[in-house]
Amino acid sequence: MGVSNIDGHIIISAFYLNNGDLIDIYLDIIHELVHVKQFMDGKELFDRHYNYVDRPTEIEAFSHAVKEARNLGLTDERILDYLRTEWMTDEDLKRLAKSLNVNSETLSS
């Protein structure tokens, strides 16, 4: 799931919609809607001056998703699982978690 940097629409894989975890899909929609708003406000969504986990637009979008995850009662461990991506190292995940006030102590050092 992502937002087009051409026209700001959300792109969602049919496979993900049909097979993904419903909570992850819900949190991703929240995250991506923040990016739609950022796009509409003229913000640079893919600013290569930042690592993905340090990018201000990502921190803002993830913060909304994490807030909703907490409202749903998700544990920090489950939130970490949501935040993890295949291109993210454990160090990246720890840095992102720290920015979002998510406890990452369950990750190996």
C-alpha atoms as a PDB file:
ATOM      1  CA  MET A   1       0.000   0.000   0.000  1.00  0.00           C
ATOM      2  CA  GLY A   2       1.292   3.452  -0.813  1.00  0.00           C
ATOM      3  CA  VAL A   3       0.478   6.903  -2.134  1.00  0.00           C
ATOM      4  CA  SER A   4       1.262   8.028  -5.665  1.00  0.00           C
ATOM      5  CA  ASN A   5       3.640  10.972  -5.735  1.00  0.00           C
ATOM      6  CA  ILE A   6       2.085  11.917  -9.101  1.00  0.00           C
ATOM      7  CA  ASP A   7      -1.536  12.522  -8.105  1.00  0.00           C
ATOM      8  CA  GLY A   8      -1.801  11.541  -4.427  1.00  0.00           C
ATOM      9  CA  HIS A   9      -4.107   8.559  -4.787  1.00  0.00           C
ATOM     10  CA  ILE A  10      -3.712   5.454  -2.645  1.00  0.00           C
ATOM     11  CA  ILE A  11      -2.384   2.347  -4.375  1.00  0.00           C
ATOM     12  CA  ILE A  12      -3.381  -0.940  -2.718  1.00  0.00           C
ATOM     13  CA  SER A  13      -2.463  -4.447  -3.757  1.00  0.00           C
ATOM     14  CA  ALA A  14      -5.516  -6.662  -4.271  1.00  0.00           C
ATOM     15  CA  PHE A  15      -3.509  -9.544  -2.813  1.00  0.00           C
ATOM     16  CA  TYR A  16      -2.836  -7.527   0.360  1.00  0.00           C
ATOM     17  CA  LEU A  17      -6.502  -6.550   0.675  1.00  0.00           C
ATOM     18  CA  ASN A  18      -7.601 -10.166   0.265  1.00  0.00           C
ATOM     19  CA  ASN A  19      -4.911 -11.830   2.369  1.00  0.00           C
ATOM     20  CA  GLY A  20      -3.417  -9.250   4.726  1.00  0.00           C
ATOM     21  CA  ASP A  21      -4.077  -8.957   8.424  1.00  0.00           C
ATOM     22  CA  LEU A  22      -7.170  -6.761   8.917  1.00  0.00           C
ATOM     23  CA  ILE A  23      -5.585  -4.697  11.680  1.00  0.00           C
ATOM     24  CA  ASP A  24      -2.493  -4.064   9.548  1.00  0.00           C
ATOM     25  CA  ILE A  25      -4.662  -3.040   6.608  1.00  0.00           C
ATOM     26  CA  TYR A  26      -6.674  -0.686   8.828  1.00  0.00           C
ATOM     27  CA  LEU A  27      -3.526   0.897  10.287  1.00  0.00           C
ATOM     28  CA  ASP A  28      -1.979   1.170   6.819  1.00  0.00           C
ATOM     29  CA  ILE A  29      -5.057   3.015   5.539  1.00  0.00           C
ATOM     30  CA  ILE A  30      -4.711   5.512   8.398  1.00  0.00           C
ATOM     31  CA  HIS A  31      -1.001   5.871   7.617  1.00  0.00           C
ATOM     32  CA  GLU A  32      -1.606   6.367   3.891  1.00  0.00           C
ATOM     33  CA  LEU A  33      -4.446   8.851   4.420  1.00  0.00           C
ATOM     34  CA  VAL A  34      -1.962  11.017   6.327  1.00  0.00           C
ATOM     35  CA  HIS A  35       0.278  10.845   3.249  1.00  0.00           C
ATOM     36  CA  VAL A  36      -2.659  11.885   1.040  1.00  0.00           C
ATOM     37  CA  LYS A  37      -3.134  14.936   3.263  1.00  0.00           C
ATOM     38  CA  GLN A  38       0.600  15.652   3.154  1.00  0.00           C
ATOM     39  CA  PHE A  39       0.537  15.392  -0.644  1.00  0.00           C
ATOM     40  CA  MET A  40      -2.422  17.790  -0.805  1.00  0.00           C
ATOM     41  CA  ASP A  41      -0.463  20.196   1.423  1.00  0.00           C
ATOM     42  CA  GLY A  42       2.471  20.082  -1.018  1.00  0.00           C
ATOM     43  CA  LYS A  43       4.857  18.130   1.203  1.00  0.00           C
ATOM     44  CA  GLU A  44       7.598  16.005  -0.353  1.00  0.00           C
ATOM     45  CA  LEU A  45       6.587  12.435   0.482  1.00  0.00           C
ATOM     46  CA  PHE A  46       9.749  10.728  -0.758  1.00  0.00           C
ATOM     47  CA  ASP A  47      12.471  13.118   0.384  1.00  0.00           C
ATOM     48  CA  ARG A  48      15.683  11.169  -0.257  1.00  0.00           C
ATOM     49  CA  HIS A  49      17.603  13.431   2.143  1.00  0.00           C
ATOM     50  CA  TYR A  50      16.228  11.233   4.924  1.00  0.00           C
ATOM     51  CA  ASN A  51      16.417   7.555   5.677  1.00  0.00           C
ATOM     52  CA  TYR A  52      12.901   6.084   5.525  1.00  0.00           C
ATOM     53  CA  VAL A  53      12.567   5.759   9.313  1.00  0.00           C
ATOM     54  CA  ASP A  54      13.792   9.343   9.863  1.00  0.00           C
ATOM     55  CA  ARG A  55      11.648  11.010   7.194  1.00  0.00           C
ATOM     56  CA  PRO A  56       9.327  13.579   8.824  1.00  0.00           C
ATOM     57  CA  THR A  57       6.371  12.578   6.642  1.00  0.00           C
ATOM     58  CA  GLU A  58       6.787   8.935   7.697  1.00  0.00           C
ATOM     59  CA  ILE A  59       7.111   9.807  11.386  1.00  0.00           C
ATOM     60  CA  GLU A  60       3.898  11.839  11.156  1.00  0.00           C
ATOM     61  CA  ALA A  61       2.005   9.088   9.308  1.00  0.00           C
ATOM     62  CA  PHE A  62       3.246   6.336  11.613  1.00  0.00           C
ATOM     63  CA  SER A  63       2.391   8.413  14.684  1.00  0.00           C
ATOM     64  CA  HIS A  64      -1.281   8.448  13.662  1.00  0.00           C
ATOM     65  CA  ALA A  65      -1.245   4.700  13.027  1.00  0.00           C
ATOM     66  CA  VAL A  66       0.469   4.034  16.375  1.00  0.00           C
ATOM     67  CA  LYS A  67      -2.063   6.221  18.193  1.00  0.00           C
ATOM     68  CA  GLU A  68      -4.890   4.171  16.677  1.00  0.00           C
ATOM     69  CA  ALA A  69      -3.043   0.923  17.437  1.00  0.00           C
ATOM     70  CA  ARG A  70      -2.912   1.969  21.086  1.00  0.00           C
ATOM     71  CA  ASN A  71      -6.626   2.863  20.977  1.00  0.00           C
ATOM     72  CA  LEU A  72      -7.238  -0.691  19.747  1.00  0.00           C
ATOM     73  CA  GLY A  73      -5.268  -2.031  22.706  1.00  0.00           C
ATOM     74  CA  LEU A  74      -2.300  -3.385  20.752  1.00  0.00           C
ATOM     75  CA  THR A  75       0.833  -4.152  22.756  1.00  0.00           C
ATOM     76  CA  ASP A  76       4.161  -2.540  21.955  1.00  0.00           C
ATOM     77  CA  GLU A  77       5.343  -5.923  20.663  1.00  0.00           C
ATOM     78  CA  ARG A  78       2.407  -6.088  18.226  1.00  0.00           C
ATOM     79  CA  ILE A  79       2.961  -2.462  17.199  1.00  0.00           C
ATOM     80  CA  LEU A  80       6.615  -3.290  16.460  1.00  0.00           C
ATOM     81  CA  ASP A  81       5.439  -6.150  14.299  1.00  0.00           C
ATOM     82  CA  TYR A  82       3.196  -3.708  12.423  1.00  0.00           C
ATOM     83  CA  LEU A  83       6.028  -1.189  11.978  1.00  0.00           C
ATOM     84  CA  ARG A  84       8.546  -3.721  10.644  1.00  0.00           C
ATOM     85  CA  THR A  85       9.122  -3.855   6.891  1.00  0.00           C
ATOM     86  CA  GLU A  86      11.295  -6.179   4.842  1.00  0.00           C
ATOM     87  CA  TRP A  87      13.727  -3.368   3.942  1.00  0.00           C
ATOM     88  CA  MET A  88      14.157  -2.204   7.538  1.00  0.00           C
ATOM     89  CA  THR A  89      17.021  -3.380   9.729  1.00  0.00           C
ATOM     90  CA  ASP A  90      16.488  -4.004  13.437  1.00  0.00           C
ATOM     91  CA  GLU A  91      18.443  -0.803  14.094  1.00  0.00           C
ATOM     92  CA  ASP A  92      16.100   1.117  11.774  1.00  0.00           C
ATOM     93  CA  LEU A  93      13.100  -0.365  13.561  1.00  0.00           C
ATOM     94  CA  LYS A  94      14.510   0.586  16.964  1.00  0.00           C
ATOM     95  CA  ARG A  95      15.092   4.163  15.767  1.00  0.00           C
ATOM     96  CA  LEU A  96      11.560   4.396  14.377  1.00  0.00           C
ATOM     97  CA  ALA A  97      10.114   2.889  17.551  1.00  0.00           C
ATOM     98  CA  LYS A  98      12.023   5.403  19.670  1.00  0.00           C
ATOM     99  CA  SER A  99      10.668   8.292  17.565  1.00  0.00           C
ATOM    100  CA  LEU A 100       7.142   6.946  18.128  1.00  0.00           C
ATOM    101  CA  ASN A 101       7.560   6.127  21.840  1.00  0.00           C
ATOM    102  CA  VAL A 102       7.125   2.403  21.218  1.00  0.00           C
ATOM    103  CA  ASN A 103       9.113   0.109  23.489  1.00  0.00           C
ATOM    104  CA  SER A 104      11.554  -1.929  21.395  1.00  0.00           C
ATOM    105  CA  GLU A 105      13.192  -3.904  24.221  1.00  0.00           C
ATOM    106  CA  THR A 106      11.818  -7.168  22.813  1.00  0.00           C
ATOM    107  CA  LEU A 107      14.105  -6.806  19.774  1.00  0.00           C
ATOM    108  CA  SER A 108      17.449  -8.557  19.942  1.00  0.00           C
ATOM    109  CA  SER A 109      20.408  -6.250  20.350  1.00  0.00           C
END
